[in-house]
Structure formats: C-alpha cells, structure tokens
PDB file of N, CA and C in Angstrom:
ATOM      1  N   MET A   1      -7.667  48.325   7.239  1.00  0.00           N
ATOM      2  CA  MET A   1      -6.981  47.763   7.561  1.00  0.00           C
ATOM      3  C   MET A   1      -5.972  47.296   6.741  1.00  0.00           C
ATOM      4  N   THR A   2      -4.646  46.837   7.443  1.00  0.00           N
ATOM      5  CA  THR A   2      -3.517  46.583   6.908  1.00  0.00           C
ATOM      6  C   THR A   2      -3.278  45.330   7.000  1.00  0.00           C
ATOM      7  N   THR A   3      -1.952  44.541   6.240  1.00  0.00           N
ATOM      8  CA  THR A   3      -1.665  43.203   6.557  1.00  0.00           C
ATOM      9  C   THR A   3      -0.400  42.726   6.684  1.00  0.00           C
ATOM     10  N   ASP A   4       0.292  43.958   7.806  1.00  0.00           N
ATOM     11  CA  ASP A   4       1.397  44.022   8.128  1.00  0.00           C
ATOM     12  C   ASP A   4       1.574  42.725   9.261  1.00  0.00           C
ATOM     13  N   LEU A   5       0.544  42.709   9.882  1.00  0.00           N
ATOM     14  CA  LEU A   5       0.234  41.406  11.455  1.00  0.00           C
ATOM     15  C   LEU A   5       0.486  39.842  10.604  1.00  0.00           C
ATOM     16  N   VAL A   6       0.032  40.072   8.958  1.00  0.00           N
ATOM     17  CA  VAL A   6      -0.234  38.530   8.528  1.00  0.00           C
ATOM     18  C   VAL A   6       0.921  37.756   8.550  1.00  0.00           C
ATOM     19  N   PRO A   7       2.526  38.203   8.205  1.00  0.00           N
ATOM     20  CA  PRO A   7       3.818  37.215   8.273  1.00  0.00           C
ATOM     21  C   PRO A   7       3.877  36.867   9.747  1.00  0.00           C
ATOM     22  N   LEU A   8       3.538  37.786  10.822  1.00  0.00           N
ATOM     23  CA  LEU A   8       3.606  37.400  12.281  1.00  0.00           C
ATOM     24  C   LEU A   8       2.412  36.079  12.776  1.00  0.00           C
ATOM     25  N   ALA A   9       1.281  36.385  11.878  1.00  0.00           N
ATOM     26  CA  ALA A   9       0.788  35.125  12.279  1.00  0.00           C
ATOM     27  C   ALA A   9       1.010  33.838  11.752  1.00  0.00           C
ATOM     28  N   VAL A  10       1.224  34.199  10.604  1.00  0.00           N
ATOM     29  CA  VAL A  10       2.066  32.621   9.765  1.00  0.00           C
ATOM     30  C   VAL A  10       2.907  31.622  11.064  1.00  0.00           C
ATOM     31  N   LEU A  11       3.739  33.026  11.219  1.00  0.00           N
ATOM     32  CA  LEU A  11       5.146  32.490  11.770  1.00  0.00           C
ATOM     33  C   LEU A  11       4.980  31.855  13.161  1.00  0.00           C
ATOM     34  N   MET A  12       3.932  32.729  13.873  1.00  0.00           N
ATOM     35  CA  MET A  12       2.927  32.103  15.210  1.00  0.00           C
ATOM     36  C   MET A  12       2.049  30.703  14.774  1.00  0.00           C
ATOM     37  N   PHE A  13       1.736  30.399  14.228  1.00  0.00           N
ATOM     38  CA  PHE A  13       1.305  28.953  13.484  1.00  0.00           C
ATOM     39  C   PHE A  13       2.576  28.205  13.373  1.00  0.00           C
ATOM     40  N   VAL A  14       3.120  28.533  12.346  1.00  0.00           N
ATOM     41  CA  VAL A  14       3.936  27.391  12.816  1.00  0.00           C
ATOM     42  C   VAL A  14       5.081  27.105  13.888  1.00  0.00           C
ATOM     43  N   VAL A  15       5.078  28.097  14.875  1.00  0.00           N
ATOM     44  CA  VAL A  15       5.748  28.020  16.175  1.00  0.00           C
ATOM     45  C   VAL A  15       5.111  26.716  17.095  1.00  0.00           C
ATOM     46  N   THR A  16       3.576  26.934  16.840  1.00  0.00           N
ATOM     47  CA  THR A  16       2.926  26.156  18.222  1.00  0.00           C
ATOM     48  C   THR A  16       2.158  25.346  17.539  1.00  0.00           C
ATOM     49  N   TYR A  17       1.704  25.415  16.014  1.00  0.00           N
ATOM     50  CA  TYR A  17       1.162  24.096  15.772  1.00  0.00           C
ATOM     51  C   TYR A  17       1.937  22.423  15.724  1.00  0.00           C
ATOM     52  N   PRO A  18       3.312  22.462  15.531  1.00  0.00           N
ATOM     53  CA  PRO A  18       3.812  21.277  16.324  1.00  0.00           C
ATOM     54  C   PRO A  18       3.329  20.866  17.584  1.00  0.00           C
ATOM     55  N   SER A  19       3.424  22.033  18.374  1.00  0.00           N
ATOM     56  CA  SER A  19       2.701  21.203  19.687  1.00  0.00           C
ATOM     57  C   SER A  19       1.349  20.763  20.394  1.00  0.00           C
ATOM     58  N   ARG A  20       0.892  21.433  19.610  1.00  0.00           N
ATOM     59  CA  ARG A  20      -0.795  21.295  19.422  1.00  0.00           C
ATOM     60  C   ARG A  20      -1.135  19.938  18.522  1.00  0.00           C
ATOM     61  N   ALA A  21       0.045  19.633  17.766  1.00  0.00           N
ATOM     62  CA  ALA A  21      -0.643  18.336  16.710  1.00  0.00           C
ATOM     63  C   ALA A  21       0.785  17.134  17.038  1.00  0.00           C
ATOM     64  N   ILE A  22       1.139  17.149  18.084  1.00  0.00           N
ATOM     65  CA  ILE A  22       2.277  15.902  18.443  1.00  0.00           C
ATOM     66  C   ILE A  22       1.279  14.759  18.413  1.00  0.00           C
ATOM     67  N   GLY A  23       0.469  15.022  19.078  1.00  0.00           N
ATOM     68  CA  GLY A  23      -0.114  13.969  19.149  1.00  0.00           C
ATOM     69  C   GLY A  23      -0.785  12.711  18.006  1.00  0.00           C
ATOM     70  N   LEU A  24      -0.732  13.728  16.731  1.00  0.00           N
ATOM     71  CA  LEU A  24      -1.330  13.147  15.514  1.00  0.00           C
ATOM     72  C   LEU A  24       0.086  13.494  14.362  1.00  0.00           C
ATOM     73  N   LEU A  25       1.099  13.574  14.701  1.00  0.00           N
ATOM     74  CA  LEU A  25       2.347  13.469  14.154  1.00  0.00           C
ATOM     75  C   LEU A  25       3.397  12.696  14.938  1.00  0.00           C
ATOM     76  N   ALA A  26       3.619  12.418  16.199  1.00  0.00           N
ATOM     77  CA  ALA A  26       4.521  11.587  16.649  1.00  0.00           C
ATOM     78  C   ALA A  26       3.694  10.077  16.637  1.00  0.00           C
ATOM     79  N   PRO A  27       4.363   8.874  15.942  1.00  0.00           N
ATOM     80  CA  PRO A  27       3.886   8.082  16.215  1.00  0.00           C
ATOM     81  C   PRO A  27       4.264   7.304  17.705  1.00  0.00           C
ATOM     82  N   GLY A  28       3.134   6.785  18.604  1.00  0.00           N
ATOM     83  CA  GLY A  28       3.350   5.624  20.122  1.00  0.00           C
ATOM     84  C   GLY A  28       3.722   6.899  21.220  1.00  0.00           C
ATOM     85  N   ILE A  29       2.574   7.955  21.130  1.00  0.00           N
ATOM     86  CA  ILE A  29       3.353   9.292  21.939  1.00  0.00           C
ATOM     87  C   ILE A  29       2.466   8.556  22.970  1.00  0.00           C
ATOM     88  N   GLU A  30       1.518   7.635  23.003  1.00  0.00           N
ATOM     89  CA  GLU A  30       0.893   7.154  24.138  1.00  0.00           C
ATOM     90  C   GLU A  30       1.596   6.348  25.071  1.00  0.00           C
ATOM     91  N   ARG A  31       2.829   5.761  24.587  1.00  0.00           N
ATOM     92  CA  ARG A  31       4.290   5.639  25.720  1.00  0.00           C
ATOM     93  C   ARG A  31       4.813   6.318  26.210  1.00  0.00           C
ATOM     94  N   LEU A  32       4.168   7.391  26.072  1.00  0.00           N
ATOM     95  CA  LEU A  32       5.215   8.212  26.989  1.00  0.00           C
ATOM     96  C   LEU A  32       4.729   8.723  28.233  1.00  0.00           C
ATOM     97  N   PRO A  33       5.714   8.768  29.435  1.00  0.00           N
ATOM     98  CA  PRO A  33       5.172   8.477  30.533  1.00  0.00           C
ATOM     99  C   PRO A  33       3.638   9.246  31.371  1.00  0.00           C
ATOM    100  N   ARG A  34       2.789   9.654  31.802  1.00  0.00           N
ATOM    101  CA  ARG A  34       1.718  10.189  32.244  1.00  0.00           C
ATOM    102  C   ARG A  34       2.411  11.278  32.684  1.00  0.00           C
ATOM    103  N   ARG A  35       3.118  11.455  32.664  1.00  0.00           N
ATOM    104  CA  ARG A  35       3.426  13.110  33.489  1.00  0.00           C
ATOM    105  C   ARG A  35       3.958  13.884  32.471  1.00  0.00           C
ATOM    106  N   ALA A  36       4.648  13.362  31.319  1.00  0.00           N
ATOM    107  CA  ALA A  36       4.739  13.993  29.875  1.00  0.00           C
ATOM    108  C   ALA A  36       4.065  14.532  29.155  1.00  0.00           C
ATOM    109  N   LEU A  37       2.883  13.148  29.212  1.00  0.00           N
ATOM    110  CA  LEU A  37       1.606  13.754  28.339  1.00  0.00           C
ATOM    111  C   LEU A  37       0.362  14.786  29.129  1.00  0.00           C
ATOM    112  N   ASP A  38       0.551  14.602  30.393  1.00  0.00           N
ATOM    113  CA  ASP A  38       0.024  16.418  31.169  1.00  0.00           C
ATOM    114  C   ASP A  38       0.718  17.434  30.889  1.00  0.00           C
ATOM    115  N   TYR A  39       1.981  17.291  30.688  1.00  0.00           N
ATOM    116  CA  TYR A  39       2.527  18.656  30.387  1.00  0.00           C
ATOM    117  C   TYR A  39       2.297  19.067  28.855  1.00  0.00           C
ATOM    118  N   LEU A  40       2.230  18.333  27.952  1.00  0.00           N
ATOM    119  CA  LEU A  40       2.016  18.348  26.946  1.00  0.00           C
ATOM    120  C   LEU A  40       0.676  19.005  26.785  1.00  0.00           C
ATOM    121  N   GLN A  41      -0.135  18.654  27.463  1.00  0.00           N
ATOM    122  CA  GLN A  41      -1.705  19.373  27.633  1.00  0.00           C
ATOM    123  C   GLN A  41      -1.561  20.314  28.093  1.00  0.00           C
ATOM    124  N   LEU A  42      -0.962  20.923  28.744  1.00  0.00           N
ATOM    125  CA  LEU A  42      -0.955  21.800  29.131  1.00  0.00           C
ATOM    126  C   LEU A  42      -0.204  22.989  28.505  1.00  0.00           C
ATOM    127  N   VAL A  43       0.750  23.059  27.155  1.00  0.00           N
ATOM    128  CA  VAL A  43       1.332  23.362  26.418  1.00  0.00           C
ATOM    129  C   VAL A  43       0.518  24.479  26.138  1.00  0.00           C
ATOM    130  N   GLY A  44      -0.595  24.512  25.515  1.00  0.00           N
ATOM    131  CA  GLY A  44      -1.162  25.389  24.486  1.00  0.00           C
ATOM    132  C   GLY A  44      -2.295  26.435  25.754  1.00  0.00           C
ATOM    133  N   PRO A  45      -2.854  25.618  26.270  1.00  0.00           N
ATOM    134  CA  PRO A  45      -3.274  26.522  27.359  1.00  0.00           C
ATOM    135  C   PRO A  45      -2.734  27.531  28.165  1.00  0.00           C
ATOM    136  N   ALA A  46      -1.068  27.356  28.286  1.00  0.00           N
ATOM    137  CA  ALA A  46      -0.297  28.196  29.272  1.00  0.00           C
ATOM    138  C   ALA A  46      -0.093  29.256  28.086  1.00  0.00           C
ATOM    139  N   VAL A  47       0.398  28.989  27.064  1.00  0.00           N
ATOM    140  CA  VAL A  47       0.809  30.247  26.088  1.00  0.00           C
ATOM    141  C   VAL A  47      -0.578  31.008  25.810  1.00  0.00           C
ATOM    142  N   LEU A  48      -1.887  30.344  25.438  1.00  0.00           N
ATOM    143  CA  LEU A  48      -3.471  31.405  25.618  1.00  0.00           C
ATOM    144  C   LEU A  48      -2.724  32.133  26.784  1.00  0.00           C
ATOM    145  N   THR A  49      -2.684  31.384  27.938  1.00  0.00           N
ATOM    146  CA  THR A  49      -2.825  32.417  29.407  1.00  0.00           C
ATOM    147  C   THR A  49      -2.473  33.261  29.534  1.00  0.00           C
ATOM    148  N   ALA A  50      -0.745  33.364  28.807  1.00  0.00           N
ATOM    149  CA  ALA A  50       0.368  34.340  29.010  1.00  0.00           C
ATOM    150  C   ALA A  50      -0.066  35.624  28.186  1.00  0.00           C
ATOM    151  N   LEU A  51      -0.469  34.714  26.671  1.00  0.00           N
ATOM    152  CA  LEU A  51      -0.766  35.781  25.983  1.00  0.00           C
ATOM    153  C   LEU A  51      -2.080  37.152  26.483  1.00  0.00           C
ATOM    154  N   ALA A  52      -3.028  36.207  26.845  1.00  0.00           N
ATOM    155  CA  ALA A  52      -3.989  36.812  27.400  1.00  0.00           C
ATOM    156  C   ALA A  52      -4.092  37.573  28.621  1.00  0.00           C
ATOM    157  N   ALA A  53      -3.006  37.484  29.190  1.00  0.00           N
ATOM    158  CA  ALA A  53      -2.748  38.180  30.626  1.00  0.00           C
ATOM    159  C   ALA A  53      -1.956  39.294  30.518  1.00  0.00           C
ATOM    160  N   VAL A  54      -1.095  39.103  29.383  1.00  0.00           N
ATOM    161  CA  VAL A  54      -0.606  40.241  28.437  1.00  0.00           C
ATOM    162  C   VAL A  54      -1.296  41.555  28.237  1.00  0.00           C
ATOM    163  N   SER A  55      -2.871  41.171  27.119  1.00  0.00           N
ATOM    164  CA  SER A  55      -3.506  42.047  26.902  1.00  0.00           C
ATOM    165  C   SER A  55      -4.134  42.409  27.951  1.00  0.00           C
ATOM    166  N   ILE A  56      -4.373  41.818  29.340  1.00  0.00           N
ATOM    167  CA  ILE A  56      -5.149  42.445  30.042  1.00  0.00           C
ATOM    168  C   ILE A  56      -4.691  43.354  31.058  1.00  0.00           C
ATOM    169  N   MET A  57      -3.475  43.040  31.431  1.00  0.00           N
ATOM    170  CA  MET A  57      -2.930  43.885  32.633  1.00  0.00           C
ATOM    171  C   MET A  57      -1.609  44.932  31.882  1.00  0.00           C
ATOM    172  N   VAL A  58      -1.497  45.271  30.615  1.00  0.00           N
ATOM    173  CA  VAL A  58      -0.516  46.333  30.106  1.00  0.00           C
ATOM    174  C   VAL A  58      -1.247  47.408  28.932  1.00  0.00           C
ATOM    175  N   GLY A  59      -1.579  47.927  29.280  1.00  0.00           N
ATOM    176  CA  GLY A  59      -2.223  49.043  28.011  1.00  0.00           C
ATOM    177  C   GLY A  59      -0.658  50.080  27.925  1.00  0.00           C
ATOM    178  N   THR A  60      -0.999  51.060  26.728  1.00  0.00           N
ATOM    179  CA  THR A  60      -0.232  52.222  26.892  1.00  0.00           C
ATOM    180  C   THR A  60      -0.306  53.478  26.847  1.00  0.00           C
ATOM    181  N   SER A  61       1.122  54.283  27.723  1.00  0.00           N
ATOM    182  CA  SER A  61       0.392  55.896  27.805  1.00  0.00           C
ATOM    183  C   SER A  61       1.214  56.296  27.164  1.00  0.00           C
ATOM    184  N   GLY A  62       0.926  57.508  26.233  1.00  0.00           N
ATOM    185  CA  GLY A  62       2.616  58.138  25.848  1.00  0.00           C
ATOM    186  C   GLY A  62       2.989  56.749  25.241  1.00  0.00           C
ATOM    187  N   GLY A  63       2.897  55.810  24.450  1.00  0.00           N
ATOM    188  CA  GLY A  63       3.914  55.057  24.209  1.00  0.00           C
ATOM    189  C   GLY A  63       4.504  54.193  25.264  1.00  0.00           C
ATOM    190  N   ARG A  64       4.325  54.284  25.833  1.00  0.00           N
ATOM    191  CA  ARG A  64       5.375  53.280  26.837  1.00  0.00           C
ATOM    192  C   ARG A  64       4.267  52.496  27.589  1.00  0.00           C
ATOM    193  N   PRO A  65       4.621  51.351  28.118  1.00  0.00           N
ATOM    194  CA  PRO A  65       3.478  50.204  28.576  1.00  0.00           C
ATOM    195  C   PRO A  65       3.765  50.442  30.378  1.00  0.00           C
ATOM    196  N   VAL A  66       2.151  50.093  30.244  1.00  0.00           N
ATOM    197  CA  VAL A  66       1.553  50.604  32.110  1.00  0.00           C
ATOM    198  C   VAL A  66       0.527  50.084  32.079  1.00  0.00           C
ATOM    199  N   PHE A  67       1.003  49.096  33.878  1.00  0.00           N
ATOM    200  CA  PHE A  67      -0.240  48.191  34.598  1.00  0.00           C
ATOM    201  C   PHE A  67      -1.573  48.681  34.551  1.00  0.00           C
ATOM    202  N   THR A  68      -2.434  48.443  33.912  1.00  0.00           N
ATOM    203  CA  THR A  68      -3.907  48.804  34.108  1.00  0.00           C
ATOM    204  C   THR A  68      -4.566  47.667  35.209  1.00  0.00           C
ATOM    205  N   ILE A  69      -5.327  48.805  35.277  1.00  0.00           N
ATOM    206  CA  ILE A  69      -6.774  47.366  36.628  1.00  0.00           C
ATOM    207  C   ILE A  69      -8.061  47.978  35.720  1.00  0.00           C
ATOM    208  N   GLY A  70      -9.087  47.084  35.190  1.00  0.00           N
ATOM    209  CA  GLY A  70     -10.160  47.928  34.456  1.00  0.00           C
ATOM    210  C   GLY A  70     -11.218  46.274  34.382  1.00  0.00           C
ATOM    211  N   LEU A  71     -12.084  47.022  33.329  1.00  0.00           N
ATOM    212  CA  LEU A  71     -13.211  45.919  32.885  1.00  0.00           C
ATOM    213  C   LEU A  71     -12.628  44.569  32.686  1.00  0.00           C
ATOM    214  N   PRO A  72     -11.824  44.372  31.813  1.00  0.00           N
ATOM    215  CA  PRO A  72     -10.824  43.283  31.529  1.00  0.00           C
ATOM    216  C   PRO A  72     -10.473  42.327  32.570  1.00  0.00           C
ATOM    217  N   TRP A  73     -10.099  42.973  33.770  1.00  0.00           N
ATOM    218  CA  TRP A  73     -10.471  42.011  34.763  1.00  0.00           C
ATOM    219  C   TRP A  73     -11.393  41.624  35.427  1.00  0.00           C
ATOM    220  N   LEU A  74     -12.332  42.426  35.055  1.00  0.00           N
ATOM    221  CA  LEU A  74     -13.394  41.676  35.946  1.00  0.00           C
ATOM    222  C   LEU A  74     -14.231  40.609  34.895  1.00  0.00           C
ATOM    223  N   SER A  75     -13.589  40.411  34.175  1.00  0.00           N
ATOM    224  CA  SER A  75     -14.321  39.992  33.054  1.00  0.00           C
ATOM    225  C   SER A  75     -13.657  38.728  33.218  1.00  0.00           C
ATOM    226  N   VAL A  76     -12.621  38.837  33.220  1.00  0.00           N
ATOM    227  CA  VAL A  76     -11.660  37.050  33.447  1.00  0.00           C
ATOM    228  C   VAL A  76     -12.081  36.718  34.672  1.00  0.00           C
ATOM    229  N   ALA A  77     -11.986  37.393  35.891  1.00  0.00           N
ATOM    230  CA  ALA A  77     -12.314  37.438  37.262  1.00  0.00           C
ATOM    231  C   ALA A  77     -13.571  36.480  36.922  1.00  0.00           C
ATOM    232  N   ALA A  78     -14.506  36.991  36.454  1.00  0.00           N
ATOM    233  CA  ALA A  78     -16.068  36.573  36.645  1.00  0.00           C
ATOM    234  C   ALA A  78     -16.195  35.048  35.469  1.00  0.00           C
ATOM    235  N   CYS A  79     -14.998  34.868  34.679  1.00  0.00           N
ATOM    236  CA  CYS A  79     -15.154  33.980  33.630  1.00  0.00           C
ATOM    237  C   CYS A  79     -14.365  32.809  35.051  1.00  0.00           C
ATOM    238  N   LEU A  80     -13.220  33.248  35.315  1.00  0.00           N
ATOM    239  CA  LEU A  80     -12.485  32.248  36.563  1.00  0.00           C
ATOM    240  C   LEU A  80     -13.657  31.411  37.816  1.00  0.00           C
ATOM    241  N   ALA A  81     -14.206  32.353  38.069  1.00  0.00           N
ATOM    242  CA  ALA A  81     -15.439  31.882  39.211  1.00  0.00           C
ATOM    243  C   ALA A  81     -16.311  31.267  38.534  1.00  0.00           C
ATOM    244  N   PHE A  82     -16.814  31.344  37.182  1.00  0.00           N
ATOM    245  CA  PHE A  82     -18.265  30.511  37.042  1.00  0.00           C
ATOM    246  C   PHE A  82     -17.113  29.556  36.507  1.00  0.00           C
ATOM    247  N   VAL A  83     -16.194  29.589  36.089  1.00  0.00           N
ATOM    248  CA  VAL A  83     -15.515  28.058  35.662  1.00  0.00           C
ATOM    249  C   VAL A  83     -15.090  26.912  36.906  1.00  0.00           C
ATOM    250  N   ALA A  84     -14.964  27.984  37.935  1.00  0.00           N
ATOM    251  CA  ALA A  84     -14.030  27.216  38.942  1.00  0.00           C
ATOM    252  C   ALA A  84     -16.054  26.047  40.095  1.00  0.00           C
ATOM    253  N   TRP A  85     -16.632  27.160  39.640  1.00  0.00           N
ATOM    254  CA  TRP A  85     -18.184  26.987  40.413  1.00  0.00           C
ATOM    255  C   TRP A  85     -18.879  25.592  39.716  1.00  0.00           C
ATOM    256  N   ARG A  86     -18.660  25.998  38.001  1.00  0.00           N
ATOM    257  CA  ARG A  86     -19.982  25.088  37.279  1.00  0.00           C
ATOM    258  C   ARG A  86     -18.901  24.003  36.841  1.00  0.00           C
ATOM    259  N   HIS A  87     -17.551  24.503  36.487  1.00  0.00           N
ATOM    260  CA  HIS A  87     -16.961  23.416  36.260  1.00  0.00           C
ATOM    261  C   HIS A  87     -17.498  23.743  34.636  1.00  0.00           C
ATOM    262  N   ASN A  88     -17.453  24.215  33.813  1.00  0.00           N
ATOM    263  CA  ASN A  88     -17.590  24.607  32.617  1.00  0.00           C
ATOM    264  C   ASN A  88     -17.405  26.338  31.735  1.00  0.00           C
ATOM    265  N   LEU A  89     -16.155  25.600  30.981  1.00  0.00           N
ATOM    266  CA  LEU A  89     -15.713  26.763  30.123  1.00  0.00           C
ATOM    267  C   LEU A  89     -16.503  27.676  29.338  1.00  0.00           C
ATOM    268  N   PHE A  90     -17.656  26.844  29.047  1.00  0.00           N
ATOM    269  CA  PHE A  90     -18.571  27.985  27.985  1.00  0.00           C
ATOM    270  C   PHE A  90     -19.450  28.990  28.490  1.00  0.00           C
ATOM    271  N   ILE A  91     -19.929  28.597  29.816  1.00  0.00           N
ATOM    272  CA  ILE A  91     -20.513  30.106  30.603  1.00  0.00           C
ATOM    273  C   ILE A  91     -19.779  30.722  31.455  1.00  0.00           C
ATOM    274  N   GLY A  92     -18.193  30.243  31.749  1.00  0.00           N
ATOM    275  CA  GLY A  92     -17.559  31.058  32.167  1.00  0.00           C
ATOM    276  C   GLY A  92     -17.420  32.039  31.110  1.00  0.00           C
ATOM    277  N   LEU A  93     -16.811  31.797  29.529  1.00  0.00           N
ATOM    278  CA  LEU A  93     -16.501  32.631  28.951  1.00  0.00           C
ATOM    279  C   LEU A  93     -18.059  33.345  28.014  1.00  0.00           C
ATOM    280  N   ALA A  94     -19.086  33.059  28.279  1.00  0.00           N
ATOM    281  CA  ALA A  94     -20.378  33.735  27.965  1.00  0.00           C
ATOM    282  C   ALA A  94     -20.481  35.144  29.085  1.00  0.00           C
ATOM    283  N   ALA A  95     -20.463  34.364  30.644  1.00  0.00           N
ATOM    284  CA  ALA A  95     -20.403  35.594  31.537  1.00  0.00           C
ATOM    285  C   ALA A  95     -19.370  36.851  31.214  1.00  0.00           C
ATOM    286  N   ALA A  96     -18.106  36.277  30.805  1.00  0.00           N
ATOM    287  CA  ALA A  96     -17.000  37.200  30.536  1.00  0.00           C
ATOM    288  C   ALA A  96     -17.202  38.110  29.107  1.00  0.00           C
ATOM    289  N   VAL A  97     -17.508  37.748  28.619  1.00  0.00           N
ATOM    290  CA  VAL A  97     -18.580  38.527  26.678  1.00  0.00           C
ATOM    291  C   VAL A  97     -19.091  39.397  27.573  1.00  0.00           C
ATOM    292  N   ALA A  98     -20.207  38.503  28.586  1.00  0.00           N
ATOM    293  CA  ALA A  98     -21.506  39.875  28.538  1.00  0.00           C
ATOM    294  C   ALA A  98     -21.516  40.257  29.475  1.00  0.00           C
ATOM    295  N   ILE A  99     -20.214  40.451  30.271  1.00  0.00           N
ATOM    296  CA  ILE A  99     -20.115  41.865  31.208  1.00  0.00           C
ATOM    297  C   ILE A  99     -18.847  42.533  30.349  1.00  0.00           C
ATOM    298  N   ALA A 100     -17.608  42.185  29.287  1.00  0.00           N
ATOM    299  CA  ALA A 100     -17.351  43.056  28.656  1.00  0.00           C
ATOM    300  C   ALA A 100     -18.558  43.626  27.747  1.00  0.00           C
ATOM    301  N   ILE A 101     -19.386  43.137  27.145  1.00  0.00           N
ATOM    302  CA  ILE A 101     -20.271  44.224  26.418  1.00  0.00           C
ATOM    303  C   ILE A 101     -21.333  44.782  27.450  1.00  0.00           C
ATOM    304  N   ALA A 102     -21.848  44.528  28.029  1.00  0.00           N
ATOM    305  CA  ALA A 102     -22.507  45.470  29.040  1.00  0.00           C
ATOM    306  C   ALA A 102     -21.413  46.793  29.454  1.00  0.00           C
ATOM    307  N   GLY A 103     -20.483  46.464  29.695  1.00  0.00           N
ATOM    308  CA  GLY A 103     -19.253  47.335  30.401  1.00  0.00           C
ATOM    309  C   GLY A 103     -18.794  48.421  28.796  1.00  0.00           C
ATOM    310  N   ARG A 104     -18.794  48.233  27.979  1.00  0.00           N
ATOM    311  CA  ARG A 104     -18.483  48.636  26.814  1.00  0.00           C
ATOM    312  C   ARG A 104     -19.783  49.314  26.722  1.00  0.00           C
ATOM    313  N   ALA A 105     -20.825  49.161  26.554  1.00  0.00           N
ATOM    314  CA  ALA A 105     -22.424  49.925  26.471  1.00  0.00           C
ATOM    315  C   ALA A 105     -22.692  51.303  27.714  1.00  0.00           C
ATOM    316  N   VAL A 106     -22.046  50.413  28.429  1.00  0.00           N
ATOM    317  CA  VAL A 106     -22.104  51.786  29.593  1.00  0.00           C
ATOM    318  C   VAL A 106     -21.172  52.728  29.524  1.00  0.00           C
ATOM    319  N   GLY A 107     -20.298  52.557  28.661  1.00  0.00           N
ATOM    320  CA  GLY A 107     -19.404  53.193  28.915  1.00  0.00           C
ATOM    321  C   GLY A 107     -17.774  52.912  29.593  1.00  0.00           C
ATOM    322  N   PHE A 108     -17.404  51.942  29.785  1.00  0.00           N
ATOM    323  CA  PHE A 108     -16.191  51.591  30.005  1.00  0.00           C
ATOM    324  C   PHE A 108     -15.381  50.903  29.464  1.00  0.00           C
ATOM    325  N   ALA A 109     -14.544  51.392  29.340  1.00  0.00           N
ATOM    326  CA  ALA A 109     -13.191  50.690  28.400  1.00  0.00           C
ATOM    327  C   ALA A 109     -12.528  49.325  28.548  1.00  0.00           C
TER     328      ALA A 109
END
C-alpha cells in the first residue's frame, strides 16, 4: 500500500468541503431563493454520481479506457429500482452490496 493518492484526497477535500459546508459557513443562506437552495443541495450527489458512473462504466484494457457492462451495472440498477420503489436509500444500497458480494463469490468480476 502506498500513500501516493493522499495528496489527491486532501485536494478533493479542500475543493468539495466548502460546497457541503456552505450552510454552516455562510450566514443568511436561508434567505437565498428556494431554487438556489435546491441547486446547492444537489451538488454533492451530482459529484458523487459522476464519480460512480466513471468507475462503473469505464474499465481499462491494455492501458486504454474501454466501455464496460457487467456486475456493477446490475448492482446500480437494483439500487435505483429499490430506491424508486421503496423510497429508502439504505435498502437500495444493501441490495447493491448483496448483489456485488454474491456475484464476486460465484466468480463474476
């Protein structure tokens, strides 16, 4: 295990923390228009979704990025289906993790 990516993690924290902490750091944020508040609440999930999409959809083959379809797609689809059906993120995430564990146990990557 190396510490090569620690500076990147620190940089990501420095860049993303202000958008998450804006409610605590900016007095009077509740006076912003409702549309702006809705937008700010969606910044974190949008960034997380973009990062997750890249890790699910893009793999490497011979050092080149390639589009992949596999077990992670099934896990994400199950998570989205459970969240849409039950309106409960925990159940969706638990289903996605269970599918990933079961798939890897039987040999799917």
